[in-house]
Amino acid sequence: MQSTNKEARLLLAIEAFQKDKKLSIRKAAQLYNIPRTTISHRMDGLTPRTETRANCYKITQLEEKVIVEYILDMDRRGFPPKIKGVEDMANYILESRNAKKVGKLWAHRFVKHYTELKICFSRVYDFQRALYEDPKLLEEWFQLISNIQAKYGILDCDFYNFDETGFMIRIISAAMVVTDAERRGRGKAVQPGNREWATAIICGNREGETILPFLVVQGQIHLSNWYTETDFPADWAIKPTSNR
């Protein structure tokens, strides 16, 4: 509070000196109880000590703000950067002026310093699903289902969910990423949609009844070792397909 009051008096002293040509810097300093040298230094363009950063800070405040905005923008697009990615951003800036790289824990401290950021584990999210996460499309789909149910007299217990869990080759795994602190839940890392895959189809209705899983794998023919060298359940179905 005291430093804020002093800053206000300093600004008033400078304003008074600039408006009154008869007022000297020494007199303005006496009127506003500010050291004369402080007024002179500020008028010469020196930055207040409260706004300066120690030499140990390699990244300027402006550069830090740019990094924060970039992280938030990437998070909104579904590509929250990893901790290593944040570190790489800082090092890229430092490299442009031939400065030394940041330390190993710099990124962790950086995120902790900014309340708008947080560290969490990402959740893999397929690219094609991300494209169809449109509230309008979802509303139209549920309205269509409601109309079909009413038209054919389908009971709620006859509704089965159709769920599939994919085993994508070279899939993006869950990782520690930096996201918007206001985000609820884990960040979504959008998974490229052009991977080879195997799929398990699982169905269950509202009364808890389930249908045995049906596996779809990429290939032309069944392989005997699927059944002889694994613990694959005998009553599960498996189907190879050449479709990608």
C-alpha atoms as a PDB file:
ATOM      1  CA  MET A   1       0.000   0.000   0.000  1.00  0.00           C
ATOM      2  CA  GLN A   2       2.860   2.342   0.873  1.00  0.00           C
ATOM      3  CA  SER A   3       4.638   1.700  -2.443  1.00  0.00           C
ATOM      4  CA  THR A   4       1.391   2.372  -4.325  1.00  0.00           C
ATOM      5  CA  ASN A   5       0.966   5.696  -2.509  1.00  0.00           C
ATOM      6  CA  LYS A   6       4.556   6.656  -3.281  1.00  0.00           C
ATOM      7  CA  GLU A   7       4.073   5.836  -6.961  1.00  0.00           C
ATOM      8  CA  ALA A   8       0.953   8.026  -7.051  1.00  0.00           C
ATOM      9  CA  ARG A   9       2.829  10.956  -5.477  1.00  0.00           C
ATOM     10  CA  LEU A  10       5.668  10.479  -7.947  1.00  0.00           C
ATOM     11  CA  LEU A  11       3.307  10.670 -10.913  1.00  0.00           C
ATOM     12  CA  LEU A  12       1.640  13.780  -9.478  1.00  0.00           C
ATOM     13  CA  ALA A  13       5.035  15.418  -8.983  1.00  0.00           C
ATOM     14  CA  ILE A  14       6.029  14.731 -12.595  1.00  0.00           C
ATOM     15  CA  GLU A  15       2.682  16.000 -13.881  1.00  0.00           C
ATOM     16  CA  ALA A  16       2.977  19.187 -11.805  1.00  0.00           C
ATOM     17  CA  PHE A  17       6.521  19.822 -13.056  1.00  0.00           C
ATOM     18  CA  GLN A  18       5.509  19.335 -16.695  1.00  0.00           C
ATOM     19  CA  LYS A  19       2.480  21.642 -16.441  1.00  0.00           C
ATOM     20  CA  ASP A  20       4.051  24.434 -14.374  1.00  0.00           C
ATOM     21  CA  LYS A  21       7.096  25.900 -16.135  1.00  0.00           C
ATOM     22  CA  LYS A  22       8.008  27.881 -13.007  1.00  0.00           C
ATOM     23  CA  LEU A  23       8.160  24.740 -10.862  1.00  0.00           C
ATOM     24  CA  SER A  24      11.580  23.110 -10.537  1.00  0.00           C
ATOM     25  CA  ILE A  25      12.196  19.404  -9.993  1.00  0.00           C
ATOM     26  CA  ARG A  26      13.630  20.172  -6.545  1.00  0.00           C
ATOM     27  CA  LYS A  27      10.496  22.132  -5.569  1.00  0.00           C
ATOM     28  CA  ALA A  28       8.184  19.404  -6.930  1.00  0.00           C
ATOM     29  CA  ALA A  29      10.125  16.830  -4.917  1.00  0.00           C
ATOM     30  CA  GLN A  30       9.617  18.862  -1.743  1.00  0.00           C
ATOM     31  CA  LEU A  31       5.898  19.398  -2.388  1.00  0.00           C
ATOM     32  CA  TYR A  32       5.152  15.711  -2.963  1.00  0.00           C
ATOM     33  CA  ASN A  33       7.771  14.294  -0.562  1.00  0.00           C
ATOM     34  CA  ILE A  34       9.615  12.390  -3.289  1.00  0.00           C
ATOM     35  CA  PRO A  35      13.417  12.230  -3.685  1.00  0.00           C
ATOM     36  CA  ARG A  36      14.575  14.555  -6.459  1.00  0.00           C
ATOM     37  CA  THR A  37      16.706  11.818  -8.027  1.00  0.00           C
ATOM     38  CA  THR A  38      13.672   9.526  -8.211  1.00  0.00           C
ATOM     39  CA  ILE A  39      11.778  12.102 -10.253  1.00  0.00           C
ATOM     40  CA  SER A  40      14.768  12.691 -12.512  1.00  0.00           C
ATOM     41  CA  HIS A  41      15.350   8.985 -13.099  1.00  0.00           C
ATOM     42  CA  ARG A  42      11.698   8.353 -13.922  1.00  0.00           C
ATOM     43  CA  MET A  43      11.621  11.238 -16.382  1.00  0.00           C
ATOM     44  CA  ASP A  44      14.747   9.786 -17.996  1.00  0.00           C
ATOM     45  CA  GLY A  45      12.790   6.602 -18.695  1.00  0.00           C
ATOM     46  CA  LEU A  46      14.053   4.266 -15.971  1.00  0.00           C
ATOM     47  CA  THR A  47      11.597   1.484 -15.045  1.00  0.00           C
ATOM     48  CA  PRO A  48      10.324   1.302 -11.436  1.00  0.00           C
ATOM     49  CA  ARG A  49      12.049  -1.395  -9.400  1.00  0.00           C
ATOM     50  CA  THR A  50       8.691  -3.021  -8.660  1.00  0.00           C
ATOM     51  CA  GLU A  51       8.208  -3.614 -12.385  1.00  0.00           C
ATOM     52  CA  THR A  52      11.685  -4.874 -13.162  1.00  0.00           C
ATOM     53  CA  ARG A  53      12.758  -8.503 -13.079  1.00  0.00           C
ATOM     54  CA  ALA A  54      15.940  -9.922 -11.665  1.00  0.00           C
ATOM     55  CA  ASN A  55      18.666 -10.942 -14.093  1.00  0.00           C
ATOM     56  CA  CYS A  56      17.959 -14.582 -13.220  1.00  0.00           C
ATOM     57  CA  TYR A  57      14.734 -14.321 -15.263  1.00  0.00           C
ATOM     58  CA  LYS A  58      15.696 -15.364 -18.771  1.00  0.00           C
ATOM     59  CA  ILE A  59      12.244 -14.822 -20.267  1.00  0.00           C
ATOM     60  CA  THR A  60      10.701 -11.349 -20.177  1.00  0.00           C
ATOM     61  CA  GLN A  61       7.191 -10.778 -18.847  1.00  0.00           C
ATOM     62  CA  LEU A  62       5.937 -10.009 -22.348  1.00  0.00           C
ATOM     63  CA  GLU A  63       7.418 -13.258 -23.658  1.00  0.00           C
ATOM     64  CA  GLU A  64       5.834 -15.176 -20.782  1.00  0.00           C
ATOM     65  CA  LYS A  65       2.444 -13.688 -21.651  1.00  0.00           C
ATOM     66  CA  VAL A  66       2.924 -14.782 -25.265  1.00  0.00           C
ATOM     67  CA  ILE A  67       3.682 -18.333 -24.098  1.00  0.00           C
ATOM     68  CA  VAL A  68       0.576 -18.345 -21.868  1.00  0.00           C
ATOM     69  CA  GLU A  69      -1.667 -17.186 -24.731  1.00  0.00           C
ATOM     70  CA  TYR A  70      -0.147 -19.781 -27.051  1.00  0.00           C
ATOM     71  CA  ILE A  71      -0.797 -22.562 -24.503  1.00  0.00           C
ATOM     72  CA  LEU A  72      -4.424 -21.478 -24.042  1.00  0.00           C
ATOM     73  CA  ASP A  73      -4.930 -21.265 -27.811  1.00  0.00           C
ATOM     74  CA  MET A  74      -3.497 -24.757 -28.350  1.00  0.00           C
ATOM     75  CA  ASP A  75      -5.688 -26.102 -25.543  1.00  0.00           C
ATOM     76  CA  ARG A  76      -8.823 -24.623 -27.123  1.00  0.00           C
ATOM     77  CA  ARG A  77      -7.902 -26.323 -30.410  1.00  0.00           C
ATOM     78  CA  GLY A  78      -7.604 -29.719 -28.700  1.00  0.00           C
ATOM     79  CA  PHE A  79      -3.808 -29.875 -28.679  1.00  0.00           C
ATOM     80  CA  PRO A  80      -2.715 -28.954 -25.137  1.00  0.00           C
ATOM     81  CA  PRO A  81       1.089 -28.918 -25.051  1.00  0.00           C
ATOM     82  CA  LYS A  82       3.109 -31.219 -22.837  1.00  0.00           C
ATOM     83  CA  ILE A  83       5.432 -29.842 -20.172  1.00  0.00           C
ATOM     84  CA  LYS A  84       8.339 -30.504 -22.534  1.00  0.00           C
ATOM     85  CA  GLY A  85       6.520 -28.475 -25.185  1.00  0.00           C
ATOM     86  CA  VAL A  86       6.285 -25.469 -22.865  1.00  0.00           C
ATOM     87  CA  GLU A  87       9.999 -25.800 -22.146  1.00  0.00           C
ATOM     88  CA  ASP A  88      10.706 -25.953 -25.884  1.00  0.00           C
ATOM     89  CA  MET A  89       8.737 -22.727 -26.444  1.00  0.00           C
ATOM     90  CA  ALA A  90      10.904 -20.882 -23.937  1.00  0.00           C
ATOM     91  CA  ASN A  91      14.121 -22.319 -25.347  1.00  0.00           C
ATOM     92  CA  TYR A  92      13.067 -21.345 -28.868  1.00  0.00           C
ATOM     93  CA  ILE A  93      12.713 -17.735 -27.714  1.00  0.00           C
ATOM     94  CA  LEU A  94      16.055 -17.829 -25.911  1.00  0.00           C
ATOM     95  CA  GLU A  95      17.779 -19.401 -28.900  1.00  0.00           C
ATOM     96  CA  SER A  96      16.788 -16.416 -31.029  1.00  0.00           C
ATOM     97  CA  ARG A  97      19.030 -14.206 -28.886  1.00  0.00           C
ATOM     98  CA  ASN A  98      21.742 -16.802 -28.192  1.00  0.00           C
ATOM     99  CA  ALA A  99      20.813 -17.114 -24.505  1.00  0.00           C
ATOM    100  CA  LYS A 100      21.177 -20.202 -22.332  1.00  0.00           C
ATOM    101  CA  LYS A 101      18.298 -22.669 -22.113  1.00  0.00           C
ATOM    102  CA  VAL A 102      15.889 -22.767 -19.171  1.00  0.00           C
ATOM    103  CA  GLY A 103      16.357 -25.297 -16.378  1.00  0.00           C
ATOM    104  CA  LYS A 104      14.636 -28.686 -16.130  1.00  0.00           C
ATOM    105  CA  LEU A 105      12.023 -27.461 -13.641  1.00  0.00           C
ATOM    106  CA  TRP A 106      11.372 -24.121 -15.341  1.00  0.00           C
ATOM    107  CA  ALA A 107       8.179 -25.243 -17.092  1.00  0.00           C
ATOM    108  CA  HIS A 108       6.685 -26.629 -13.862  1.00  0.00           C
ATOM    109  CA  ARG A 109       7.404 -23.373 -12.022  1.00  0.00           C
ATOM    110  CA  PHE A 110       6.087 -21.371 -14.968  1.00  0.00           C
ATOM    111  CA  VAL A 111       2.710 -23.142 -14.938  1.00  0.00           C
ATOM    112  CA  LYS A 112       2.492 -22.876 -11.153  1.00  0.00           C
ATOM    113  CA  HIS A 113       3.149 -19.123 -11.379  1.00  0.00           C
ATOM    114  CA  TYR A 114       0.208 -18.441 -13.716  1.00  0.00           C
ATOM    115  CA  THR A 115      -3.206 -19.124 -12.179  1.00  0.00           C
ATOM    116  CA  GLU A 116      -4.824 -19.427 -15.613  1.00  0.00           C
ATOM    117  CA  LEU A 117      -2.796 -22.594 -16.294  1.00  0.00           C
ATOM    118  CA  LYS A 118      -2.742 -26.032 -14.732  1.00  0.00           C
ATOM    119  CA  ILE A 119      -1.092 -29.414 -15.301  1.00  0.00           C
ATOM    120  CA  CYS A 120      -3.272 -32.478 -15.839  1.00  0.00           C
ATOM    121  CA  PHE A 121      -3.311 -35.780 -17.724  1.00  0.00           C
ATOM    122  CA  SER A 122      -4.745 -35.680 -21.226  1.00  0.00           C
ATOM    123  CA  ARG A 123      -7.538 -37.887 -22.515  1.00  0.00           C
ATOM    124  CA  VAL A 124      -7.129 -39.299 -26.010  1.00  0.00           C
ATOM    125  CA  TYR A 125      -9.883 -38.047 -28.294  1.00  0.00           C
ATOM    126  CA  ASP A 126     -10.273 -39.215 -31.873  1.00  0.00           C
ATOM    127  CA  PHE A 127     -10.138 -36.574 -34.587  1.00  0.00           C
ATOM    128  CA  GLN A 128     -13.344 -37.730 -36.299  1.00  0.00           C
ATOM    129  CA  ARG A 129     -15.258 -37.594 -33.012  1.00  0.00           C
ATOM    130  CA  ALA A 130     -14.023 -34.082 -32.387  1.00  0.00           C
ATOM    131  CA  LEU A 131     -15.490 -33.022 -35.739  1.00  0.00           C
ATOM    132  CA  TYR A 132     -18.956 -34.219 -34.723  1.00  0.00           C
ATOM    133  CA  GLU A 133     -19.061 -32.686 -31.245  1.00  0.00           C
ATOM    134  CA  ASP A 134     -21.593 -30.143 -32.448  1.00  0.00           C
ATOM    135  CA  PRO A 135     -24.604 -29.480 -30.128  1.00  0.00           C
ATOM    136  CA  LYS A 136     -26.892 -28.849 -33.104  1.00  0.00           C
ATOM    137  CA  LEU A 137     -26.005 -32.183 -34.734  1.00  0.00           C
ATOM    138  CA  LEU A 138     -26.472 -34.031 -31.446  1.00  0.00           C
ATOM    139  CA  GLU A 139     -29.875 -32.433 -30.861  1.00  0.00           C
ATOM    140  CA  GLU A 140     -31.060 -33.408 -34.351  1.00  0.00           C
ATOM    141  CA  TRP A 141     -29.879 -37.005 -33.816  1.00  0.00           C
ATOM    142  CA  PHE A 142     -31.723 -37.435 -30.515  1.00  0.00           C
ATOM    143  CA  GLN A 143     -34.864 -35.929 -32.032  1.00  0.00           C
ATOM    144  CA  LEU A 144     -34.675 -38.493 -34.854  1.00  0.00           C
ATOM    145  CA  ILE A 145     -34.335 -41.342 -32.327  1.00  0.00           C
ATOM    146  CA  SER A 146     -37.323 -40.037 -30.370  1.00  0.00           C
ATOM    147  CA  ASN A 147     -39.461 -39.946 -33.529  1.00  0.00           C
ATOM    148  CA  ILE A 148     -38.492 -43.508 -34.509  1.00  0.00           C
ATOM    149  CA  GLN A 149     -39.257 -44.792 -30.998  1.00  0.00           C
ATOM    150  CA  ALA A 150     -42.705 -43.212 -31.048  1.00  0.00           C
ATOM    151  CA  LYS A 151     -43.463 -44.402 -34.596  1.00  0.00           C
ATOM    152  CA  TYR A 152     -42.637 -48.078 -33.996  1.00  0.00           C
ATOM    153  CA  GLY A 153     -43.526 -48.343 -30.297  1.00  0.00           C
ATOM    154  CA  ILE A 154     -40.004 -49.304 -29.233  1.00  0.00           C
ATOM    155  CA  LEU A 155     -39.614 -49.816 -25.472  1.00  0.00           C
ATOM    156  CA  ASP A 156     -36.771 -48.227 -23.542  1.00  0.00           C
ATOM    157  CA  CYS A 157     -35.491 -51.669 -22.502  1.00  0.00           C
ATOM    158  CA  ASP A 158     -35.045 -52.550 -26.179  1.00  0.00           C
ATOM    159  CA  PHE A 159     -32.517 -49.787 -26.651  1.00  0.00           C
ATOM    160  CA  TYR A 160     -28.963 -51.106 -26.694  1.00  0.00           C
ATOM    161  CA  ASN A 161     -25.938 -48.919 -26.668  1.00  0.00           C
ATOM    162  CA  PHE A 162     -23.388 -49.664 -29.353  1.00  0.00           C
ATOM    163  CA  ASP A 163     -19.963 -48.958 -27.974  1.00  0.00           C
ATOM    164  CA  GLU A 164     -16.610 -49.621 -29.515  1.00  0.00           C
ATOM    165  CA  THR A 165     -13.190 -49.361 -28.034  1.00  0.00           C
ATOM    166  CA  GLY A 166     -10.358 -49.034 -30.485  1.00  0.00           C
ATOM    167  CA  PHE A 167      -6.843 -50.342 -30.214  1.00  0.00           C
ATOM    168  CA  MET A 168      -5.059 -47.944 -32.532  1.00  0.00           C
ATOM    169  CA  ILE A 169      -1.518 -48.632 -33.644  1.00  0.00           C
ATOM    170  CA  ARG A 170       0.851 -45.820 -32.607  1.00  0.00           C
ATOM    171  CA  ILE A 171      -2.004 -44.223 -30.690  1.00  0.00           C
ATOM    172  CA  ILE A 172      -1.400 -41.064 -28.669  1.00  0.00           C
ATOM    173  CA  SER A 173      -1.210 -42.138 -25.044  1.00  0.00           C
ATOM    174  CA  ALA A 174      -2.417 -40.148 -22.065  1.00  0.00           C
ATOM    175  CA  ALA A 175       0.244 -37.647 -21.075  1.00  0.00           C
ATOM    176  CA  MET A 176       0.794 -34.786 -18.660  1.00  0.00           C
ATOM    177  CA  VAL A 177      -0.222 -31.616 -20.485  1.00  0.00           C
ATOM    178  CA  VAL A 178      -0.748 -27.928 -19.702  1.00  0.00           C
ATOM    179  CA  THR A 179      -4.311 -26.627 -20.078  1.00  0.00           C
ATOM    180  CA  ASP A 180      -6.603 -23.765 -19.160  1.00  0.00           C
ATOM    181  CA  ALA A 181      -7.074 -23.704 -15.370  1.00  0.00           C
ATOM    182  CA  GLU A 182     -10.823 -23.133 -15.901  1.00  0.00           C
ATOM    183  CA  ARG A 183     -11.157 -26.421 -17.767  1.00  0.00           C
ATOM    184  CA  ARG A 184     -13.087 -29.149 -15.971  1.00  0.00           C
ATOM    185  CA  GLY A 185     -11.860 -32.693 -16.344  1.00  0.00           C
ATOM    186  CA  ARG A 186      -8.844 -33.823 -18.281  1.00  0.00           C
ATOM    187  CA  GLY A 187      -7.617 -32.117 -21.411  1.00  0.00           C
ATOM    188  CA  LYS A 188      -8.365 -33.779 -24.722  1.00  0.00           C
ATOM    189  CA  ALA A 189      -5.469 -34.570 -27.019  1.00  0.00           C
ATOM    190  CA  VAL A 190      -6.934 -34.970 -30.506  1.00  0.00           C
ATOM    191  CA  GLN A 191      -5.837 -38.268 -32.030  1.00  0.00           C
ATOM    192  CA  PRO A 192      -5.064 -38.250 -35.782  1.00  0.00           C
ATOM    193  CA  GLY A 193      -7.698 -40.250 -37.612  1.00  0.00           C
ATOM    194  CA  ASN A 194      -5.449 -42.131 -40.040  1.00  0.00           C
ATOM    195  CA  ARG A 195      -4.172 -45.008 -37.879  1.00  0.00           C
ATOM    196  CA  GLU A 196      -4.439 -48.776 -38.329  1.00  0.00           C
ATOM    197  CA  TRP A 197      -6.838 -50.237 -35.831  1.00  0.00           C
ATOM    198  CA  ALA A 198      -8.604 -53.137 -34.177  1.00  0.00           C
ATOM    199  CA  THR A 199     -12.065 -52.659 -32.675  1.00  0.00           C
ATOM    200  CA  ALA A 200     -14.080 -54.334 -29.917  1.00  0.00           C
ATOM    201  CA  ILE A 201     -17.847 -53.863 -30.311  1.00  0.00           C
ATOM    202  CA  ILE A 202     -19.760 -54.177 -27.036  1.00  0.00           C
ATOM    203  CA  CYS A 203     -23.527 -53.775 -26.546  1.00  0.00           C
ATOM    204  CA  GLY A 204     -25.706 -53.514 -23.454  1.00  0.00           C
ATOM    205  CA  ASN A 205     -29.274 -52.389 -22.774  1.00  0.00           C
ATOM    206  CA  ARG A 206     -30.830 -50.301 -20.023  1.00  0.00           C
ATOM    207  CA  GLU A 207     -31.648 -53.404 -17.943  1.00  0.00           C
ATOM    208  CA  GLY A 208     -28.022 -54.460 -17.757  1.00  0.00           C
ATOM    209  CA  GLU A 209     -28.150 -57.263 -20.329  1.00  0.00           C
ATOM    210  CA  THR A 210     -25.114 -57.491 -22.589  1.00  0.00           C
ATOM    211  CA  ILE A 211     -24.197 -59.119 -25.868  1.00  0.00           C
ATOM    212  CA  LEU A 212     -20.868 -60.918 -26.172  1.00  0.00           C
ATOM    213  CA  PRO A 213     -18.132 -58.725 -27.688  1.00  0.00           C
ATOM    214  CA  PHE A 214     -17.447 -58.786 -31.400  1.00  0.00           C
ATOM    215  CA  LEU A 215     -13.871 -58.036 -32.443  1.00  0.00           C
ATOM    216  CA  VAL A 216     -12.944 -56.558 -35.817  1.00  0.00           C
ATOM    217  CA  VAL A 217      -9.281 -56.653 -36.826  1.00  0.00           C
ATOM    218  CA  GLN A 218      -7.440 -55.580 -39.939  1.00  0.00           C
ATOM    219  CA  GLY A 219      -6.409 -58.482 -42.121  1.00  0.00           C
ATOM    220  CA  GLN A 220      -7.483 -60.890 -44.879  1.00  0.00           C
ATOM    221  CA  ILE A 221      -7.864 -64.223 -43.051  1.00  0.00           C
ATOM    222  CA  HIS A 222      -8.170 -65.743 -39.593  1.00  0.00           C
ATOM    223  CA  LEU A 223      -4.874 -66.729 -37.967  1.00  0.00           C
ATOM    224  CA  SER A 224      -4.762 -69.954 -35.966  1.00  0.00           C
ATOM    225  CA  ASN A 225      -2.546 -68.473 -33.260  1.00  0.00           C
ATOM    226  CA  TRP A 226      -5.366 -66.098 -32.341  1.00  0.00           C
ATOM    227  CA  TYR A 227      -7.138 -69.107 -30.865  1.00  0.00           C
ATOM    228  CA  THR A 228      -4.315 -71.502 -29.944  1.00  0.00           C
ATOM    229  CA  GLU A 229      -1.716 -69.193 -28.422  1.00  0.00           C
ATOM    230  CA  THR A 230      -3.881 -66.625 -26.638  1.00  0.00           C
ATOM    231  CA  ASP A 231      -6.539 -66.527 -23.925  1.00  0.00           C
ATOM    232  CA  PHE A 232      -9.153 -65.359 -26.417  1.00  0.00           C
ATOM    233  CA  PRO A 233     -12.598 -66.503 -25.108  1.00  0.00           C
ATOM    234  CA  ALA A 234     -14.149 -69.248 -27.220  1.00  0.00           C
ATOM    235  CA  ASP A 235     -17.602 -67.620 -27.312  1.00  0.00           C
ATOM    236  CA  TRP A 236     -16.375 -64.270 -28.591  1.00  0.00           C
ATOM    237  CA  ALA A 237     -16.632 -63.506 -32.308  1.00  0.00           C
ATOM    238  CA  ILE A 238     -13.728 -62.166 -34.334  1.00  0.00           C
ATOM    239  CA  LYS A 239     -13.777 -60.900 -37.906  1.00  0.00           C
ATOM    240  CA  PRO A 240     -10.797 -59.839 -40.064  1.00  0.00           C
ATOM    241  CA  THR A 241     -11.450 -57.097 -42.597  1.00  0.00           C
ATOM    242  CA  SER A 242      -9.392 -55.424 -45.293  1.00  0.00           C
ATOM    243  CA  ASN A 243     -11.277 -52.161 -44.826  1.00  0.00           C
ATOM    244  CA  ARG A 244      -9.262 -49.308 -43.363  1.00  0.00           C
END
